[in-house]
C-alpha atoms as a PDB file:
ATOM      1  CA  MET A   1     -33.713 -61.452  14.025  1.00  0.00           C
ATOM      2  CA  LEU A   2     -31.043 -62.200  11.443  1.00  0.00           C
ATOM      3  CA  ALA A   3     -31.417 -58.740   9.929  1.00  0.00           C
ATOM      4  CA  ARG A   4     -31.046 -57.156  13.369  1.00  0.00           C
ATOM      5  CA  GLN A   5     -27.819 -59.124  14.048  1.00  0.00           C
ATOM      6  CA  THR A   6     -26.418 -58.181  10.631  1.00  0.00           C
ATOM      7  CA  LEU A   7     -27.259 -54.522  11.230  1.00  0.00           C
ATOM      8  CA  GLY A   8     -25.508 -54.650  14.624  1.00  0.00           C
ATOM      9  CA  ARG A   9     -22.348 -56.090  13.056  1.00  0.00           C
ATOM     10  CA  ILE A  10     -22.324 -53.402  10.387  1.00  0.00           C
ATOM     11  CA  ALA A  11     -22.757 -50.660  12.994  1.00  0.00           C
ATOM     12  CA  SER A  12     -19.873 -52.033  15.094  1.00  0.00           C
ATOM     13  CA  GLN A  13     -17.434 -51.976  12.162  1.00  0.00           C
ATOM     14  CA  PRO A  14     -15.248 -48.867  11.496  1.00  0.00           C
ATOM     15  CA  ALA A  15     -16.817 -46.280   9.191  1.00  0.00           C
ATOM     16  CA  VAL A  16     -13.696 -46.237   7.004  1.00  0.00           C
ATOM     17  CA  LEU A  17     -11.881 -49.317   5.835  1.00  0.00           C
ATOM     18  CA  GLY A  18      -8.630 -49.703   7.814  1.00  0.00           C
ATOM     19  CA  ALA A  19      -9.627 -47.224  10.545  1.00  0.00           C
ATOM     20  CA  ALA A  20      -8.724 -48.005  14.174  1.00  0.00           C
ATOM     21  CA  PRO A  21     -11.403 -49.056  16.644  1.00  0.00           C
ATOM     22  CA  SER A  22     -12.896 -46.429  18.923  1.00  0.00           C
ATOM     23  CA  GLY A  23     -10.819 -47.478  21.963  1.00  0.00           C
ATOM     24  CA  ALA A  24      -7.553 -47.664  20.050  1.00  0.00           C
ATOM     25  CA  ARG A  25      -7.015 -43.899  20.221  1.00  0.00           C
ATOM     26  CA  ASN A  26      -7.086 -43.921  24.028  1.00  0.00           C
ATOM     27  CA  MET A  27      -4.746 -46.924  24.101  1.00  0.00           C
ATOM     28  CA  ALA A  28      -2.257 -45.229  21.779  1.00  0.00           C
ATOM     29  CA  THR A  29      -2.409 -42.020  23.770  1.00  0.00           C
ATOM     30  CA  LEU A  30      -1.808 -43.826  27.045  1.00  0.00           C
ATOM     31  CA  ARG A  31       1.115 -45.700  25.528  1.00  0.00           C
ATOM     32  CA  GLU A  32       2.658 -42.449  24.291  1.00  0.00           C
ATOM     33  CA  ILE A  33       2.225 -40.799  27.698  1.00  0.00           C
ATOM     34  CA  GLU A  34       3.767 -43.824  29.405  1.00  0.00           C
ATOM     35  CA  LEU A  35       6.826 -43.715  27.133  1.00  0.00           C
ATOM     36  CA  ARG A  36       7.177 -39.980  27.661  1.00  0.00           C
ATOM     37  CA  LEU A  37       6.945 -40.425  31.430  1.00  0.00           C
ATOM     38  CA  LYS A  38       9.730 -42.985  31.305  1.00  0.00           C
ATOM     39  CA  SER A  39      11.894 -40.647  29.220  1.00  0.00           C
ATOM     40  CA  VAL A  40      11.339 -37.671  31.544  1.00  0.00           C
ATOM     41  CA  ARG A  41      12.127 -39.793  34.619  1.00  0.00           C
ATOM     42  CA  ASN A  42      15.421 -40.836  33.037  1.00  0.00           C
ATOM     43  CA  ILE A  43      16.250 -37.203  32.266  1.00  0.00           C
ATOM     44  CA  GLU A  44      15.463 -36.267  35.871  1.00  0.00           C
ATOM     45  CA  LYS A  45      17.893 -38.912  37.132  1.00  0.00           C
ATOM     46  CA  ILE A  46      20.632 -37.559  34.858  1.00  0.00           C
ATOM     47  CA  THR A  47      20.102 -33.919  35.827  1.00  0.00           C
ATOM     48  CA  LYS A  48      20.057 -34.761  39.541  1.00  0.00           C
ATOM     49  CA  SER A  49      23.309 -36.696  39.173  1.00  0.00           C
ATOM     50  CA  MET A  50      24.929 -33.799  37.296  1.00  0.00           C
ATOM     51  CA  LYS A  51      23.737 -31.389  39.980  1.00  0.00           C
ATOM     52  CA  MET A  52      25.363 -33.508  42.708  1.00  0.00           C
ATOM     53  CA  ILE A  53      28.624 -33.684  40.761  1.00  0.00           C
ATOM     54  CA  ALA A  54      28.629 -29.927  40.182  1.00  0.00           C
ATOM     55  CA  SER A  55      27.917 -29.279  43.865  1.00  0.00           C
ATOM     56  CA  THR A  56      30.917 -31.397  44.801  1.00  0.00           C
ATOM     57  CA  LYS A  57      33.169 -29.606  42.305  1.00  0.00           C
ATOM     58  CA  LEU A  58      31.968 -26.150  43.342  1.00  0.00           C
ATOM     59  CA  THR A  59      33.609 -26.284  46.767  1.00  0.00           C
ATOM     60  CA  LYS A  60      36.941 -27.228  45.211  1.00  0.00           C
ATOM     61  CA  ALA A  61      36.584 -24.536  42.548  1.00  0.00           C
ATOM     62  CA  GLN A  62      35.836 -21.854  45.140  1.00  0.00           C
ATOM     63  CA  ARG A  63      38.934 -22.756  47.156  1.00  0.00           C
ATOM     64  CA  ALA A  64      41.075 -22.569  44.019  1.00  0.00           C
ATOM     65  CA  MET A  65      39.448 -19.247  43.083  1.00  0.00           C
ATOM     66  CA  GLU A  66      40.289 -17.663  46.449  1.00  0.00           C
ATOM     67  CA  ALA A  67      43.921 -18.715  46.027  1.00  0.00           C
ATOM     68  CA  ALA A  68      44.082 -17.506  42.411  1.00  0.00           C
ATOM     69  CA  LYS A  69      42.691 -14.090  43.284  1.00  0.00           C
ATOM     70  CA  GLU A  70      46.013 -13.302  44.933  1.00  0.00           C
ATOM     71  CA  TYR A  71      47.610 -13.421  41.492  1.00  0.00           C
ATOM     72  CA  GLY A  72      45.084 -10.969  40.114  1.00  0.00           C
ATOM     73  CA  SER A  73      45.437  -8.602  43.072  1.00  0.00           C
ATOM     74  CA  ALA A  74      49.224  -8.618  42.631  1.00  0.00           C
ATOM     75  CA  ASN A  75      48.761  -7.456  39.035  1.00  0.00           C
ATOM     76  CA  SER A  76      46.363  -4.710  40.095  1.00  0.00           C
ATOM     77  CA  GLU A  77      48.803  -3.467  42.724  1.00  0.00           C
ATOM     78  CA  LEU A  78      51.656  -3.453  40.208  1.00  0.00           C
ATOM     79  CA  PHE A  79      49.770  -1.392  37.627  1.00  0.00           C
ATOM     80  CA  GLN A  80      48.409   0.891  40.326  1.00  0.00           C
ATOM     81  CA  HIS A  81      51.886   1.853  41.574  1.00  0.00           C
ATOM     82  CA  ALA A  82      53.353   2.012  38.091  1.00  0.00           C
ATOM     83  CA  PRO A  83      50.601   3.384  35.830  1.00  0.00           C
ATOM     84  CA  ALA A  84      51.384   3.311  32.154  1.00  0.00           C
ATOM     85  CA  GLN A  85      50.665   6.057  29.685  1.00  0.00           C
ATOM     86  CA  GLU A  86      47.480   6.017  27.653  1.00  0.00           C
ATOM     87  CA  ALA A  87      47.443   2.904  25.528  1.00  0.00           C
ATOM     88  CA  GLY A  88      46.718   2.802  21.822  1.00  0.00           C
ATOM     89  CA  LYS A  89      43.455   1.838  20.224  1.00  0.00           C
ATOM     90  CA  ARG A  90      44.504  -1.630  19.086  1.00  0.00           C
ATOM     91  CA  LYS A  91      43.656  -3.996  21.923  1.00  0.00           C
ATOM     92  CA  LEU A  92      44.024  -7.727  22.120  1.00  0.00           C
ATOM     93  CA  PHE A  93      40.865  -9.293  23.562  1.00  0.00           C
ATOM     94  CA  VAL A  94      41.356 -12.614  25.357  1.00  0.00           C
ATOM     95  CA  VAL A  95      37.920 -14.183  25.918  1.00  0.00           C
ATOM     96  CA  ILE A  96      37.766 -16.818  28.664  1.00  0.00           C
ATOM     97  CA  SER A  97      35.149 -19.586  28.284  1.00  0.00           C
ATOM     98  CA  SER A  98      35.279 -23.403  28.107  1.00  0.00           C
ATOM     99  CA  ASP A  99      34.491 -26.367  25.881  1.00  0.00           C
ATOM    100  CA  LYS A 100      31.509 -27.644  27.872  1.00  0.00           C
ATOM    101  CA  GLY A 101      27.855 -26.699  27.769  1.00  0.00           C
ATOM    102  CA  LEU A 102      24.764 -27.350  29.924  1.00  0.00           C
ATOM    103  CA  CYS A 103      25.609 -24.376  32.135  1.00  0.00           C
ATOM    104  CA  GLY A 104      23.098 -21.693  31.158  1.00  0.00           C
ATOM    105  CA  GLY A 105      24.287 -18.450  29.578  1.00  0.00           C
ATOM    106  CA  ILE A 106      27.780 -18.526  31.069  1.00  0.00           C
ATOM    107  CA  HIS A 107      29.461 -18.534  27.643  1.00  0.00           C
ATOM    108  CA  SER A 108      27.141 -16.097  25.912  1.00  0.00           C
ATOM    109  CA  SER A 109      27.803 -13.623  28.746  1.00  0.00           C
ATOM    110  CA  VAL A 110      31.437 -13.038  27.761  1.00  0.00           C
ATOM    111  CA  SER A 111      30.581 -13.171  24.053  1.00  0.00           C
ATOM    112  CA  LYS A 112      27.962 -10.444  24.471  1.00  0.00           C
ATOM    113  CA  ALA A 113      30.386  -8.325  26.510  1.00  0.00           C
ATOM    114  CA  THR A 114      32.955  -8.585  23.712  1.00  0.00           C
ATOM    115  CA  ARG A 115      30.414  -7.673  21.029  1.00  0.00           C
ATOM    116  CA  ARG A 116      29.222  -4.680  23.051  1.00  0.00           C
ATOM    117  CA  VAL A 117      32.746  -3.274  23.234  1.00  0.00           C
ATOM    118  CA  PHE A 118      33.205  -3.579  19.470  1.00  0.00           C
ATOM    119  CA  ALA A 119      29.759  -2.118  18.768  1.00  0.00           C
ATOM    120  CA  ASP A 120      30.204   0.862  21.118  1.00  0.00           C
ATOM    121  CA  PRO A 121      31.763   3.860  19.288  1.00  0.00           C
ATOM    122  CA  ALA A 122      32.678   5.434  22.648  1.00  0.00           C
ATOM    123  CA  SER A 123      35.106   2.595  23.421  1.00  0.00           C
ATOM    124  CA  GLY A 124      37.578   4.056  20.918  1.00  0.00           C
ATOM    125  CA  ILE A 125      39.122   0.714  19.972  1.00  0.00           C
ATOM    126  CA  ASP A 126      40.275  -0.289  16.536  1.00  0.00           C
ATOM    127  CA  ALA A 127      37.594  -2.232  14.651  1.00  0.00           C
ATOM    128  CA  GLU A 128      40.304  -4.682  13.542  1.00  0.00           C
ATOM    129  CA  SER A 129      41.509  -5.424  17.070  1.00  0.00           C
ATOM    130  CA  PRO A 130      42.461  -9.119  17.377  1.00  0.00           C
ATOM    131  CA  ILE A 131      40.505 -11.611  19.477  1.00  0.00           C
ATOM    132  CA  MET A 132      41.866 -14.790  21.056  1.00  0.00           C
ATOM    133  CA  ILE A 133      39.439 -17.237  22.659  1.00  0.00           C
ATOM    134  CA  VAL A 134      39.893 -19.892  25.318  1.00  0.00           C
ATOM    135  CA  GLY A 135      37.125 -22.477  24.849  1.00  0.00           C
ATOM    136  CA  ASP A 136      35.096 -23.773  21.929  1.00  0.00           C
ATOM    137  CA  LYS A 137      31.747 -22.388  23.103  1.00  0.00           C
ATOM    138  CA  SER A 138      32.595 -18.694  22.776  1.00  0.00           C
ATOM    139  CA  LYS A 139      34.582 -19.503  19.644  1.00  0.00           C
ATOM    140  CA  ALA A 140      31.416 -20.787  17.969  1.00  0.00           C
ATOM    141  CA  GLN A 141      29.505 -17.661  19.018  1.00  0.00           C
ATOM    142  CA  LEU A 142      32.103 -15.030  18.105  1.00  0.00           C
ATOM    143  CA  SER A 143      33.054 -16.738  14.851  1.00  0.00           C
ATOM    144  CA  ARG A 144      29.624 -15.736  13.562  1.00  0.00           C
ATOM    145  CA  ALA A 145      29.656 -12.167  14.900  1.00  0.00           C
ATOM    146  CA  LEU A 146      33.350 -11.176  14.499  1.00  0.00           C
ATOM    147  CA  PRO A 147      34.958 -13.736  12.183  1.00  0.00           C
ATOM    148  CA  GLU A 148      37.578 -11.339  10.794  1.00  0.00           C
ATOM    149  CA  ASN A 149      38.971 -10.551  14.252  1.00  0.00           C
ATOM    150  CA  LEU A 150      39.665 -14.113  15.395  1.00  0.00           C
ATOM    151  CA  THR A 151      43.381 -14.846  15.360  1.00  0.00           C
ATOM    152  CA  LEU A 152      43.985 -17.692  17.829  1.00  0.00           C
ATOM    153  CA  THR A 153      41.848 -20.124  19.828  1.00  0.00           C
ATOM    154  CA  PHE A 154      42.581 -22.571  22.648  1.00  0.00           C
ATOM    155  CA  ASN A 155      40.670 -25.631  23.816  1.00  0.00           C
ATOM    156  CA  GLN A 156      41.008 -28.522  26.282  1.00  0.00           C
ATOM    157  CA  ILE A 157      41.655 -25.949  29.046  1.00  0.00           C
ATOM    158  CA  GLY A 158      39.445 -25.984  32.110  1.00  0.00           C
ATOM    159  CA  ARG A 159      38.385 -29.640  32.030  1.00  0.00           C
ATOM    160  CA  ASP A 160      39.445 -29.581  35.669  1.00  0.00           C
ATOM    161  CA  VAL A 161      40.497 -26.717  37.929  1.00  0.00           C
ATOM    162  CA  PRO A 162      42.894 -24.622  35.769  1.00  0.00           C
ATOM    163  CA  THR A 163      46.505 -24.452  36.879  1.00  0.00           C
ATOM    164  CA  PHE A 164      49.124 -21.761  36.495  1.00  0.00           C
ATOM    165  CA  ALA A 165      50.845 -24.006  33.927  1.00  0.00           C
ATOM    166  CA  ASP A 166      47.743 -23.756  31.722  1.00  0.00           C
ATOM    167  CA  ALA A 167      47.734 -19.967  32.013  1.00  0.00           C
ATOM    168  CA  ALA A 168      51.480 -19.768  31.365  1.00  0.00           C
ATOM    169  CA  GLY A 169      51.072 -21.886  28.234  1.00  0.00           C
ATOM    170  CA  VAL A 170      48.320 -19.596  26.933  1.00  0.00           C
ATOM    171  CA  ALA A 171      50.373 -16.479  27.717  1.00  0.00           C
ATOM    172  CA  ASP A 172      53.434 -17.946  26.005  1.00  0.00           C
ATOM    173  CA  LEU A 173      51.482 -18.706  22.824  1.00  0.00           C
ATOM    174  CA  ILE A 174      49.988 -15.205  22.852  1.00  0.00           C
ATOM    175  CA  VAL A 175      53.444 -13.609  23.099  1.00  0.00           C
ATOM    176  CA  LYS A 176      54.872 -15.864  20.383  1.00  0.00           C
ATOM    177  CA  SER A 177      51.888 -15.444  18.037  1.00  0.00           C
ATOM    178  CA  GLY A 178      53.338 -12.282  16.513  1.00  0.00           C
ATOM    179  CA  VAL A 179      50.023 -10.410  16.773  1.00  0.00           C
ATOM    180  CA  GLU A 180      50.498  -6.670  17.222  1.00  0.00           C
ATOM    181  CA  TYR A 181      48.545  -4.920  19.982  1.00  0.00           C
ATOM    182  CA  ASP A 182      48.888  -1.964  22.331  1.00  0.00           C
ATOM    183  CA  SER A 183      47.262  -3.533  25.398  1.00  0.00           C
ATOM    184  CA  VAL A 184      45.483  -6.696  26.479  1.00  0.00           C
ATOM    185  CA  ALA A 185      41.850  -6.873  27.640  1.00  0.00           C
ATOM    186  CA  ILE A 186      40.813 -10.132  29.314  1.00  0.00           C
ATOM    187  CA  VAL A 187      37.058 -10.782  29.160  1.00  0.00           C
ATOM    188  CA  TYR A 188      35.858 -13.282  31.771  1.00  0.00           C
ATOM    189  CA  ASN A 189      33.016 -14.055  34.164  1.00  0.00           C
ATOM    190  CA  GLN A 190      33.428 -12.569  37.626  1.00  0.00           C
ATOM    191  CA  PHE A 191      32.154 -14.676  40.513  1.00  0.00           C
ATOM    192  CA  VAL A 192      29.593 -12.732  42.575  1.00  0.00           C
ATOM    193  CA  SER A 193      27.919 -15.505  44.557  1.00  0.00           C
ATOM    194  CA  ALA A 194      26.920 -19.136  44.217  1.00  0.00           C
ATOM    195  CA  ILE A 195      23.863 -18.102  42.191  1.00  0.00           C
ATOM    196  CA  SER A 196      25.094 -15.085  40.222  1.00  0.00           C
ATOM    197  CA  TYR A 197      27.983 -13.880  38.073  1.00  0.00           C
ATOM    198  CA  GLU A 198      28.718 -10.996  35.742  1.00  0.00           C
ATOM    199  CA  SER A 199      31.052 -10.389  32.832  1.00  0.00           C
ATOM    200  CA  ASN A 200      34.119  -8.277  33.534  1.00  0.00           C
ATOM    201  CA  ILE A 201      37.076  -6.882  31.552  1.00  0.00           C
ATOM    202  CA  VAL A 202      40.515  -6.466  33.113  1.00  0.00           C
ATOM    203  CA  GLU A 203      43.326  -4.555  31.395  1.00  0.00           C
ATOM    204  CA  VAL A 204      46.904  -5.851  31.276  1.00  0.00           C
ATOM    205  CA  GLU A 205      49.774  -3.624  30.178  1.00  0.00           C
ATOM    206  CA  THR A 206      52.284  -4.751  27.578  1.00  0.00           C
ATOM    207  CA  GLU A 207      56.074  -4.625  27.679  1.00  0.00           C
ATOM    208  CA  ASN A 208      56.278  -1.342  25.746  1.00  0.00           C
ATOM    209  CA  ALA A 209      53.654   0.270  27.946  1.00  0.00           C
ATOM    210  CA  LEU A 210      55.579  -0.684  31.075  1.00  0.00           C
ATOM    211  CA  LYS A 211      58.797   0.702  29.639  1.00  0.00           C
ATOM    212  CA  GLU A 212      57.122   4.049  28.991  1.00  0.00           C
ATOM    213  CA  SER A 213      55.538   4.136  32.434  1.00  0.00           C
ATOM    214  CA  PRO A 214      56.852   6.991  34.632  1.00  0.00           C
ATOM    215  CA  GLY A 215      57.125   4.602  37.564  1.00  0.00           C
ATOM    216  CA  PHE A 216      59.458   2.268  35.653  1.00  0.00           C
ATOM    217  CA  LYS A 217      61.482   5.051  34.078  1.00  0.00           C
ATOM    218  CA  ALA A 218      62.619   6.092  37.537  1.00  0.00           C
ATOM    219  CA  TYR A 219      64.676   2.892  37.795  1.00  0.00           C
ATOM    220  CA  GLU A 220      67.399   1.455  35.601  1.00  0.00           C
ATOM    221  CA  MET A 221      66.423  -2.030  34.516  1.00  0.00           C
ATOM    222  CA  GLU A 222      67.486  -4.352  31.757  1.00  0.00           C
ATOM    223  CA  ASP A 223      65.133  -5.028  28.876  1.00  0.00           C
ATOM    224  CA  ASP A 224      64.755  -8.684  29.846  1.00  0.00           C
ATOM    225  CA  VAL A 225      63.395  -7.690  33.248  1.00  0.00           C
ATOM    226  CA  THR A 226      60.545  -5.652  31.776  1.00  0.00           C
ATOM    227  CA  LYS A 227      59.812  -8.329  29.189  1.00  0.00           C
ATOM    228  CA  ASP A 228      59.685 -11.103  31.778  1.00  0.00           C
ATOM    229  CA  LEU A 229      57.559  -8.965  34.080  1.00  0.00           C
ATOM    230  CA  ALA A 230      55.061  -8.247  31.291  1.00  0.00           C
ATOM    231  CA  GLU A 231      54.775 -11.950  30.405  1.00  0.00           C
ATOM    232  CA  PHE A 232      54.438 -12.932  34.054  1.00  0.00           C
ATOM    233  CA  SER A 233      51.753 -10.292  34.610  1.00  0.00           C
ATOM    234  CA  LEU A 234      49.826 -11.576  31.593  1.00  0.00           C
ATOM    235  CA  ALA A 235      50.043 -15.161  32.869  1.00  0.00           C
ATOM    236  CA  ASN A 236      48.901 -14.014  36.314  1.00  0.00           C
ATOM    237  CA  ALA A 237      45.877 -12.215  34.919  1.00  0.00           C
ATOM    238  CA  ILE A 238      44.926 -15.153  32.663  1.00  0.00           C
ATOM    239  CA  TYR A 239      45.281 -17.607  35.546  1.00  0.00           C
ATOM    240  CA  SER A 240      43.056 -15.531  37.808  1.00  0.00           C
ATOM    241  CA  ALA A 241      40.441 -15.171  35.049  1.00  0.00           C
ATOM    242  CA  LEU A 242      40.551 -18.899  34.184  1.00  0.00           C
ATOM    243  CA  VAL A 243      39.992 -20.048  37.752  1.00  0.00           C
ATOM    244  CA  GLU A 244      37.272 -17.502  38.465  1.00  0.00           C
ATOM    245  CA  GLY A 245      35.544 -18.335  35.185  1.00  0.00           C
ATOM    246  CA  TYR A 246      35.741 -22.042  36.060  1.00  0.00           C
ATOM    247  CA  ALA A 247      34.051 -21.400  39.416  1.00  0.00           C
ATOM    248  CA  CYS A 248      31.302 -19.435  37.650  1.00  0.00           C
ATOM    249  CA  GLU A 249      30.827 -22.256  35.155  1.00  0.00           C
ATOM    250  CA  ILE A 250      30.473 -24.944  37.836  1.00  0.00           C
ATOM    251  CA  SER A 251      28.059 -22.754  39.805  1.00  0.00           C
ATOM    252  CA  ALA A 252      25.987 -22.032  36.688  1.00  0.00           C
ATOM    253  CA  ARG A 253      25.926 -25.724  35.765  1.00  0.00           C
ATOM    254  CA  ARG A 254      24.686 -26.674  39.225  1.00  0.00           C
ATOM    255  CA  ASN A 255      21.922 -24.056  39.026  1.00  0.00           C
ATOM    256  CA  ALA A 256      21.004 -25.127  35.489  1.00  0.00           C
ATOM    257  CA  MET A 257      20.766 -28.801  36.483  1.00  0.00           C
ATOM    258  CA  ASP A 258      18.729 -27.859  39.570  1.00  0.00           C
ATOM    259  CA  ASN A 259      16.250 -25.944  37.404  1.00  0.00           C
ATOM    260  CA  ALA A 260      16.150 -28.796  34.894  1.00  0.00           C
ATOM    261  CA  SER A 261      15.406 -31.296  37.684  1.00  0.00           C
ATOM    262  CA  LYS A 262      12.572 -29.114  38.990  1.00  0.00           C
ATOM    263  CA  ASN A 263      11.110 -28.758  35.495  1.00  0.00           C
ATOM    264  CA  ALA A 264      11.329 -32.519  34.976  1.00  0.00           C
ATOM    265  CA  SER A 265       9.576 -33.114  38.309  1.00  0.00           C
ATOM    266  CA  ASP A 266       6.762 -30.732  37.339  1.00  0.00           C
ATOM    267  CA  MET A 267       6.420 -32.428  33.947  1.00  0.00           C
ATOM    268  CA  ILE A 268       6.299 -35.853  35.598  1.00  0.00           C
ATOM    269  CA  GLY A 269       3.442 -34.693  37.825  1.00  0.00           C
ATOM    270  CA  SER A 270       1.536 -33.262  34.872  1.00  0.00           C
ATOM    271  CA  LEU A 271       2.038 -36.368  32.717  1.00  0.00           C
ATOM    272  CA  THR A 272       1.096 -38.690  35.592  1.00  0.00           C
ATOM    273  CA  MET A 273      -2.177 -36.820  36.080  1.00  0.00           C
ATOM    274  CA  LYS A 274      -2.876 -36.935  32.350  1.00  0.00           C
ATOM    275  CA  TYR A 275      -2.074 -40.662  32.240  1.00  0.00           C
ATOM    276  CA  ASN A 276      -4.354 -41.411  35.197  1.00  0.00           C
ATOM    277  CA  ARG A 277      -7.207 -39.427  33.653  1.00  0.00           C
ATOM    278  CA  GLY A 278      -6.802 -41.235  30.329  1.00  0.00           C
ATOM    279  CA  ARG A 279      -6.669 -44.603  32.070  1.00  0.00           C
ATOM    280  CA  GLN A 280      -9.804 -43.834  34.061  1.00  0.00           C
ATOM    281  CA  ALA A 281     -11.569 -42.729  30.878  1.00  0.00           C
ATOM    282  CA  ALA A 282     -10.576 -45.952  29.117  1.00  0.00           C
ATOM    283  CA  ILE A 283     -11.833 -48.064  32.043  1.00  0.00           C
ATOM    284  CA  THR A 284     -15.102 -46.112  32.128  1.00  0.00           C
ATOM    285  CA  ASN A 285     -15.627 -46.684  28.400  1.00  0.00           C
ATOM    286  CA  GLU A 286     -15.036 -50.418  28.815  1.00  0.00           C
ATOM    287  CA  LEU A 287     -17.495 -50.562  31.724  1.00  0.00           C
ATOM    288  CA  VAL A 288     -20.099 -48.705  29.642  1.00  0.00           C
ATOM    289  CA  ASP A 289     -19.631 -51.225  26.825  1.00  0.00           C
ATOM    290  CA  ILE A 290     -19.999 -54.168  29.230  1.00  0.00           C
ATOM    291  CA  ILE A 291     -23.094 -52.718  30.909  1.00  0.00           C
ATOM    292  CA  THR A 292     -24.642 -51.873  27.539  1.00  0.00           C
ATOM    293  CA  GLY A 293     -24.018 -55.375  26.270  1.00  0.00           C
ATOM    294  CA  ALA A 294     -25.434 -56.931  29.443  1.00  0.00           C
ATOM    295  CA  SER A 295     -28.541 -54.733  29.213  1.00  0.00           C
ATOM    296  CA  ALA A 296     -29.026 -55.726  25.583  1.00  0.00           C
ATOM    297  CA  LEU A 297     -28.971 -59.410  26.515  1.00  0.00           C
END
């Protein structure tokens, strides 16, 4: 009898010194799943809150975008009635992005569009054409691909709906930077709908190009008039691109947070099922141990 009890104690001990009991693995696994469930639920709360905030901002951004489009259409009408001669190959690229993330591929869209233009031999632009960037996100991307072309960057613009004062400040710094260029190409995200956008490039003529335009040569104007008109046209185009890019960013952030919330909900369901199965298995093992012990007695 004593030998049988001793043999039972030896069999119940772990095979390796310091090893966990047989039920400890299930307990640890359940604890890990429980902690992960709690973490995913917290993430779901955050993404849902960010989606609600973005949905509220989107309406305001769309109203501002509709008003700002009038500035861009005024520029298009001006250049349409007074077309300039063929511009040179040295273009100034102004890339419009922002400082914030968590909005899908909104920033990489304009960065890819810029890289495609420089990589395309048919574009005919100078390989040393300068690039100026609004926003830290595209700055980080283009600084790796085209570091030699970066000349000026702007940040802290677009934290709220951009204003014409923001665009005028950017245009003023561009004019005063002393960078030489034949024309300006603004790369931004064009708003298509609440769920889609696409990168677009709009051309803005410089002061010299306007002076050489046949439409402007027909009139006698002072030099200051053409200079002021060129600066105002640049500010108009930047303002329109900033506001439209902001609307695209808010829309993309809302869609990204909606997708993240759905993924978190699916993960919560999967983890809950796994936790319940593990818990049932642990209870079954305990019942088997109790029944086995009772049968032995």
